[in-house]
PDB file of N, CA and C in Angstrom:
ATOM      1  N   MET A   1      22.696  14.050   4.974  1.00  0.00           N
ATOM      2  CA  MET A   1      21.936  14.327   3.885  1.00  0.00           C
ATOM      3  C   MET A   1      21.449  13.065   3.035  1.00  0.00           C
ATOM      4  N   ARG A   2      22.280  12.049   3.203  1.00  0.00           N
ATOM      5  CA  ARG A   2      21.890  10.778   2.420  1.00  0.00           C
ATOM      6  C   ARG A   2      20.617  10.185   3.108  1.00  0.00           C
ATOM      7  N   GLN A   3      20.500  10.314   4.371  1.00  0.00           N
ATOM      8  CA  GLN A   3      19.318   9.810   5.109  1.00  0.00           C
ATOM      9  C   GLN A   3      17.983  10.619   4.604  1.00  0.00           C
ATOM     10  N   PHE A   4      18.186  11.894   4.441  1.00  0.00           N
ATOM     11  CA  PHE A   4      17.031  12.682   3.956  1.00  0.00           C
ATOM     12  C   PHE A   4      16.709  12.287   2.602  1.00  0.00           C
ATOM     13  N   ASP A   5      17.725  12.010   1.662  1.00  0.00           N
ATOM     14  CA  ASP A   5      17.425  11.720   0.339  1.00  0.00           C
ATOM     15  C   ASP A   5      16.721  10.341   0.361  1.00  0.00           C
ATOM     16  N   GLU A   6      16.995   9.368   1.111  1.00  0.00           N
ATOM     17  CA  GLU A   6      16.351   8.077   1.080  1.00  0.00           C
ATOM     18  C   GLU A   6      14.932   8.245   1.653  1.00  0.00           C
ATOM     19  N   SER A   7      14.735   9.075   2.717  1.00  0.00           N
ATOM     20  CA  SER A   7      13.404   9.247   3.124  1.00  0.00           C
ATOM     21  C   SER A   7      12.561   9.946   2.148  1.00  0.00           C
ATOM     22  N   TYR A   8      13.030  10.844   1.335  1.00  0.00           N
ATOM     23  CA  TYR A   8      12.327  11.541   0.399  1.00  0.00           C
ATOM     24  C   TYR A   8      11.823  10.522  -0.682  1.00  0.00           C
ATOM     25  N   ARG A   9      12.800   9.648  -1.153  1.00  0.00           N
ATOM     26  CA  ARG A   9      12.439   8.665  -2.151  1.00  0.00           C
ATOM     27  C   ARG A   9      11.345   7.759  -1.663  1.00  0.00           C
ATOM     28  N   VAL A  10      11.449   7.317  -0.401  1.00  0.00           N
ATOM     29  CA  VAL A  10      10.350   6.470   0.080  1.00  0.00           C
ATOM     30  C   VAL A  10       9.060   7.049   0.201  1.00  0.00           C
ATOM     31  N   THR A  11       8.992   8.380   0.684  1.00  0.00           N
ATOM     32  CA  THR A  11       7.760   9.094   0.644  1.00  0.00           C
ATOM     33  C   THR A  11       7.197   9.306  -0.708  1.00  0.00           C
ATOM     34  N   VAL A  12       8.004   9.688  -1.696  1.00  0.00           N
ATOM     35  CA  VAL A  12       7.522   9.950  -2.949  1.00  0.00           C
ATOM     36  C   VAL A  12       7.005   8.616  -3.703  1.00  0.00           C
ATOM     37  N   ASN A  13       7.637   7.526  -3.481  1.00  0.00           N
ATOM     38  CA  ASN A  13       7.185   6.255  -3.963  1.00  0.00           C
ATOM     39  C   ASN A  13       5.919   5.869  -3.199  1.00  0.00           C
ATOM     40  N   HIS A  14       5.783   6.104  -2.000  1.00  0.00           N
ATOM     41  CA  HIS A  14       4.583   5.781  -1.248  1.00  0.00           C
ATOM     42  C   HIS A  14       3.524   6.516  -1.792  1.00  0.00           C
ATOM     43  N   GLU A  15       3.632   7.797  -1.974  1.00  0.00           N
ATOM     44  CA  GLU A  15       2.448   8.607  -2.462  1.00  0.00           C
ATOM     45  C   GLU A  15       2.133   8.270  -3.892  1.00  0.00           C
ATOM     46  N   LEU A  16       3.171   7.884  -4.671  1.00  0.00           N
ATOM     47  CA  LEU A  16       2.924   7.474  -5.984  1.00  0.00           C
ATOM     48  C   LEU A  16       1.991   6.245  -6.156  1.00  0.00           C
ATOM     49  N   LEU A  17       2.204   5.288  -5.172  1.00  0.00           N
ATOM     50  CA  LEU A  17       1.405   4.156  -5.140  1.00  0.00           C
ATOM     51  C   LEU A  17      -0.031   4.539  -4.827  1.00  0.00           C
ATOM     52  N   HIS A  18      -0.304   5.486  -3.960  1.00  0.00           N
ATOM     53  CA  HIS A  18      -1.686   5.865  -3.700  1.00  0.00           C
ATOM     54  C   HIS A  18      -2.301   6.424  -5.002  1.00  0.00           C
ATOM     55  N   ALA A  19      -1.468   7.240  -5.739  1.00  0.00           N
ATOM     56  CA  ALA A  19      -2.035   7.876  -6.904  1.00  0.00           C
ATOM     57  C   ALA A  19      -2.429   6.912  -7.970  1.00  0.00           C
ATOM     58  N   VAL A  20      -1.401   5.923  -8.288  1.00  0.00           N
ATOM     59  CA  VAL A  20      -1.717   4.876  -9.197  1.00  0.00           C
ATOM     60  C   VAL A  20      -2.875   3.976  -8.824  1.00  0.00           C
ATOM     61  N   TYR A  21      -2.903   3.660  -7.576  1.00  0.00           N
ATOM     62  CA  TYR A  21      -4.154   2.963  -7.104  1.00  0.00           C
ATOM     63  C   TYR A  21      -5.374   3.621  -7.506  1.00  0.00           C
ATOM     64  N   SER A  22      -5.436   4.878  -7.144  1.00  0.00           N
ATOM     65  CA  SER A  22      -6.794   5.571  -7.176  1.00  0.00           C
ATOM     66  C   SER A  22      -7.135   5.819  -8.594  1.00  0.00           C
ATOM     67  N   LEU A  23      -6.162   5.887  -9.615  1.00  0.00           N
ATOM     68  CA  LEU A  23      -6.376   6.265 -11.015  1.00  0.00           C
ATOM     69  C   LEU A  23      -6.426   5.030 -11.918  1.00  0.00           C
ATOM     70  N   SER A  24      -5.958   3.895 -11.451  1.00  0.00           N
ATOM     71  CA  SER A  24      -5.837   2.762 -12.381  1.00  0.00           C
ATOM     72  C   SER A  24      -6.597   1.547 -11.995  1.00  0.00           C
ATOM     73  N   PRO A  25      -7.784   1.226 -12.629  1.00  0.00           N
ATOM     74  CA  PRO A  25      -8.561   0.103 -12.277  1.00  0.00           C
ATOM     75  C   PRO A  25      -7.656  -1.247 -12.344  1.00  0.00           C
ATOM     76  N   LYS A  26      -6.640  -1.255 -13.331  1.00  0.00           N
ATOM     77  CA  LYS A  26      -5.808  -2.282 -13.473  1.00  0.00           C
ATOM     78  C   LYS A  26      -4.814  -2.591 -12.238  1.00  0.00           C
ATOM     79  N   ALA A  27      -4.406  -1.334 -11.656  1.00  0.00           N
ATOM     80  CA  ALA A  27      -3.624  -1.477 -10.398  1.00  0.00           C
ATOM     81  C   ALA A  27      -4.464  -1.886  -9.221  1.00  0.00           C
ATOM     82  N   LYS A  28      -5.660  -1.453  -9.156  1.00  0.00           N
ATOM     83  CA  LYS A  28      -6.625  -1.936  -8.022  1.00  0.00           C
ATOM     84  C   LYS A  28      -6.750  -3.446  -8.143  1.00  0.00           C
ATOM     85  N   LYS A  29      -7.023  -3.870  -9.338  1.00  0.00           N
ATOM     86  CA  LYS A  29      -7.247  -5.358  -9.575  1.00  0.00           C
ATOM     87  C   LYS A  29      -5.902  -6.117  -9.110  1.00  0.00           C
ATOM     88  N   LEU A  30      -4.767  -5.716  -9.469  1.00  0.00           N
ATOM     89  CA  LEU A  30      -3.579  -6.294  -9.107  1.00  0.00           C
ATOM     90  C   LEU A  30      -3.337  -6.306  -7.653  1.00  0.00           C
ATOM     91  N   ALA A  31      -3.544  -5.233  -6.978  1.00  0.00           N
ATOM     92  CA  ALA A  31      -3.399  -5.039  -5.590  1.00  0.00           C
ATOM     93  C   ALA A  31      -4.338  -6.015  -4.815  1.00  0.00           C
ATOM     94  N   LYS A  32      -5.496  -6.017  -5.357  1.00  0.00           N
ATOM     95  CA  LYS A  32      -6.446  -7.008  -4.593  1.00  0.00           C
ATOM     96  C   LYS A  32      -6.226  -8.430  -4.818  1.00  0.00           C
ATOM     97  N   SER A  33      -5.673  -8.742  -6.078  1.00  0.00           N
ATOM     98  CA  SER A  33      -5.251 -10.133  -6.248  1.00  0.00           C
ATOM     99  C   SER A  33      -3.975 -10.505  -5.327  1.00  0.00           C
ATOM    100  N   MET A  34      -3.138  -9.628  -5.248  1.00  0.00           N
ATOM    101  CA  MET A  34      -1.822  -9.878  -4.347  1.00  0.00           C
ATOM    102  C   MET A  34      -2.246  -9.967  -2.972  1.00  0.00           C
ATOM    103  N   TRP A  35      -3.220  -9.042  -2.517  1.00  0.00           N
ATOM    104  CA  TRP A  35      -3.702  -9.203  -1.041  1.00  0.00           C
ATOM    105  C   TRP A  35      -4.317 -10.480  -0.882  1.00  0.00           C
ATOM    106  N   GLU A  36      -5.292 -10.949  -1.815  1.00  0.00           N
ATOM    107  CA  GLU A  36      -5.977 -12.182  -1.648  1.00  0.00           C
ATOM    108  C   GLU A  36      -4.923 -13.371  -1.697  1.00  0.00           C
ATOM    109  N   GLY A  37      -3.866 -13.237  -2.280  1.00  0.00           N
ATOM    110  CA  GLY A  37      -2.824 -14.357  -2.304  1.00  0.00           C
ATOM    111  C   GLY A  37      -2.050 -14.523  -1.088  1.00  0.00           C
ATOM    112  N   LEU A  38      -2.084 -13.566  -0.081  1.00  0.00           N
ATOM    113  CA  LEU A  38      -1.362 -13.619   1.174  1.00  0.00           C
ATOM    114  C   LEU A  38      -2.044 -14.610   2.052  1.00  0.00           C
ATOM    115  N   LYS A  39      -1.189 -15.160   2.876  1.00  0.00           N
ATOM    116  CA  LYS A  39      -1.647 -15.965   3.912  1.00  0.00           C
ATOM    117  C   LYS A  39      -2.357 -15.126   5.031  1.00  0.00           C
ATOM    118  N   GLU A  40      -3.145 -15.711   5.816  1.00  0.00           N
ATOM    119  CA  GLU A  40      -3.854 -14.963   6.831  1.00  0.00           C
ATOM    120  C   GLU A  40      -2.986 -14.228   7.860  1.00  0.00           C
ATOM    121  N   ASP A  41      -1.907 -14.944   8.227  1.00  0.00           N
ATOM    122  CA  ASP A  41      -0.895 -14.390   9.155  1.00  0.00           C
ATOM    123  C   ASP A  41      -0.199 -13.243   8.580  1.00  0.00           C
ATOM    124  N   GLN A  42       0.109 -13.344   7.254  1.00  0.00           N
ATOM    125  CA  GLN A  42       0.748 -12.288   6.533  1.00  0.00           C
ATOM    126  C   GLN A  42      -0.060 -11.005   6.534  1.00  0.00           C
ATOM    127  N   LYS A  43      -1.411 -11.072   6.300  1.00  0.00           N
ATOM    128  CA  LYS A  43      -2.379 -10.067   6.283  1.00  0.00           C
ATOM    129  C   LYS A  43      -2.334  -9.401   7.663  1.00  0.00           C
ATOM    130  N   GLU A  44      -2.514 -10.309   8.694  1.00  0.00           N
ATOM    131  CA  GLU A  44      -2.523  -9.718   9.974  1.00  0.00           C
ATOM    132  C   GLU A  44      -1.249  -8.936  10.397  1.00  0.00           C
ATOM    133  N   ASN A  45      -0.100  -9.527  10.082  1.00  0.00           N
ATOM    134  CA  ASN A  45       1.072  -8.779  10.333  1.00  0.00           C
ATOM    135  C   ASN A  45       1.262  -7.413   9.732  1.00  0.00           C
ATOM    136  N   PHE A  46       0.626  -7.356   8.414  1.00  0.00           N
ATOM    137  CA  PHE A  46       0.624  -6.155   7.697  1.00  0.00           C
ATOM    138  C   PHE A  46      -0.360  -5.193   8.325  1.00  0.00           C
ATOM    139  N   LYS A  47      -1.474  -5.642   8.596  1.00  0.00           N
ATOM    140  CA  LYS A  47      -2.435  -4.746   9.388  1.00  0.00           C
ATOM    141  C   LYS A  47      -1.897  -4.206  10.649  1.00  0.00           C
ATOM    142  N   LYS A  48      -1.274  -5.001  11.417  1.00  0.00           N
ATOM    143  CA  LYS A  48      -0.606  -4.524  12.688  1.00  0.00           C
ATOM    144  C   LYS A  48       0.519  -3.521  12.385  1.00  0.00           C
ATOM    145  N   ALA A  49       1.280  -3.614  11.354  1.00  0.00           N
ATOM    146  CA  ALA A  49       2.312  -2.648  10.995  1.00  0.00           C
ATOM    147  C   ALA A  49       1.739  -1.436  10.458  1.00  0.00           C
ATOM    148  N   HIS A  50       0.372  -1.370  10.003  1.00  0.00           N
ATOM    149  CA  HIS A  50      -0.168  -0.208   9.541  1.00  0.00           C
ATOM    150  C   HIS A  50      -1.660   0.043  10.065  1.00  0.00           C
ATOM    151  N   PRO A  51      -1.585   0.389  11.420  1.00  0.00           N
ATOM    152  CA  PRO A  51      -2.855   0.376  12.190  1.00  0.00           C
ATOM    153  C   PRO A  51      -3.792   1.590  11.644  1.00  0.00           C
ATOM    154  N   SER A  52      -3.222   2.641  11.029  1.00  0.00           N
ATOM    155  CA  SER A  52      -4.045   3.742  10.609  1.00  0.00           C
ATOM    156  C   SER A  52      -4.689   3.463   9.311  1.00  0.00           C
ATOM    157  N   TYR A  53      -4.308   2.450   8.608  1.00  0.00           N
ATOM    158  CA  TYR A  53      -5.104   2.140   7.347  1.00  0.00           C
ATOM    159  C   TYR A  53      -6.445   1.590   7.523  1.00  0.00           C
ATOM    160  N   ASP A  54      -7.343   1.945   6.621  1.00  0.00           N
ATOM    161  CA  ASP A  54      -8.782   1.567   6.659  1.00  0.00           C
ATOM    162  C   ASP A  54      -8.861   0.313   5.630  1.00  0.00           C
ATOM    163  N   PHE A  55      -8.752  -0.947   6.251  1.00  0.00           N
ATOM    164  CA  PHE A  55      -8.858  -2.113   5.417  1.00  0.00           C
ATOM    165  C   PHE A  55     -10.387  -2.604   4.903  1.00  0.00           C
ATOM    166  N   GLU A  56     -11.256  -1.781   5.472  1.00  0.00           N
ATOM    167  CA  GLU A  56     -12.668  -1.963   5.009  1.00  0.00           C
ATOM    168  C   GLU A  56     -13.099  -1.244   3.811  1.00  0.00           C
ATOM    169  N   ASN A  57     -12.363  -0.261   3.552  1.00  0.00           N
ATOM    170  CA  ASN A  57     -12.775   0.612   2.264  1.00  0.00           C
ATOM    171  C   ASN A  57     -11.738   0.348   1.228  1.00  0.00           C
ATOM    172  N   GLU A  58     -12.184  -0.464   0.189  1.00  0.00           N
ATOM    173  CA  GLU A  58     -11.386  -0.896  -0.930  1.00  0.00           C
ATOM    174  C   GLU A  58     -11.164   0.305  -1.932  1.00  0.00           C
ATOM    175  N   THR A  59     -11.854   1.463  -1.832  1.00  0.00           N
ATOM    176  CA  THR A  59     -11.649   2.491  -2.785  1.00  0.00           C
ATOM    177  C   THR A  59     -10.402   3.308  -2.496  1.00  0.00           C
ATOM    178  N   ILE A  60      -9.814   3.108  -1.221  1.00  0.00           N
ATOM    179  CA  ILE A  60      -8.546   3.842  -0.850  1.00  0.00           C
ATOM    180  C   ILE A  60      -7.457   2.811  -0.538  1.00  0.00           C
ATOM    181  N   LEU A  61      -6.329   3.332  -0.660  1.00  0.00           N
ATOM    182  CA  LEU A  61      -5.055   2.505  -0.476  1.00  0.00           C
ATOM    183  C   LEU A  61      -4.351   3.169   0.652  1.00  0.00           C
TER     184      LEU A  61
END
């Protein structure tokens, strides 16, 4: 049951990030700034870990 609880929390937090990003220009600006602050290898590692993400469309997270 504990594993289910943790999975539930991770999923809810993940979806909350999508909602905040889509509704808050300030959150979008912060996310973009954080992304631009990463080194190229960090960006590539993140992209490899999230192959289904569309990194060309900044309107979605």
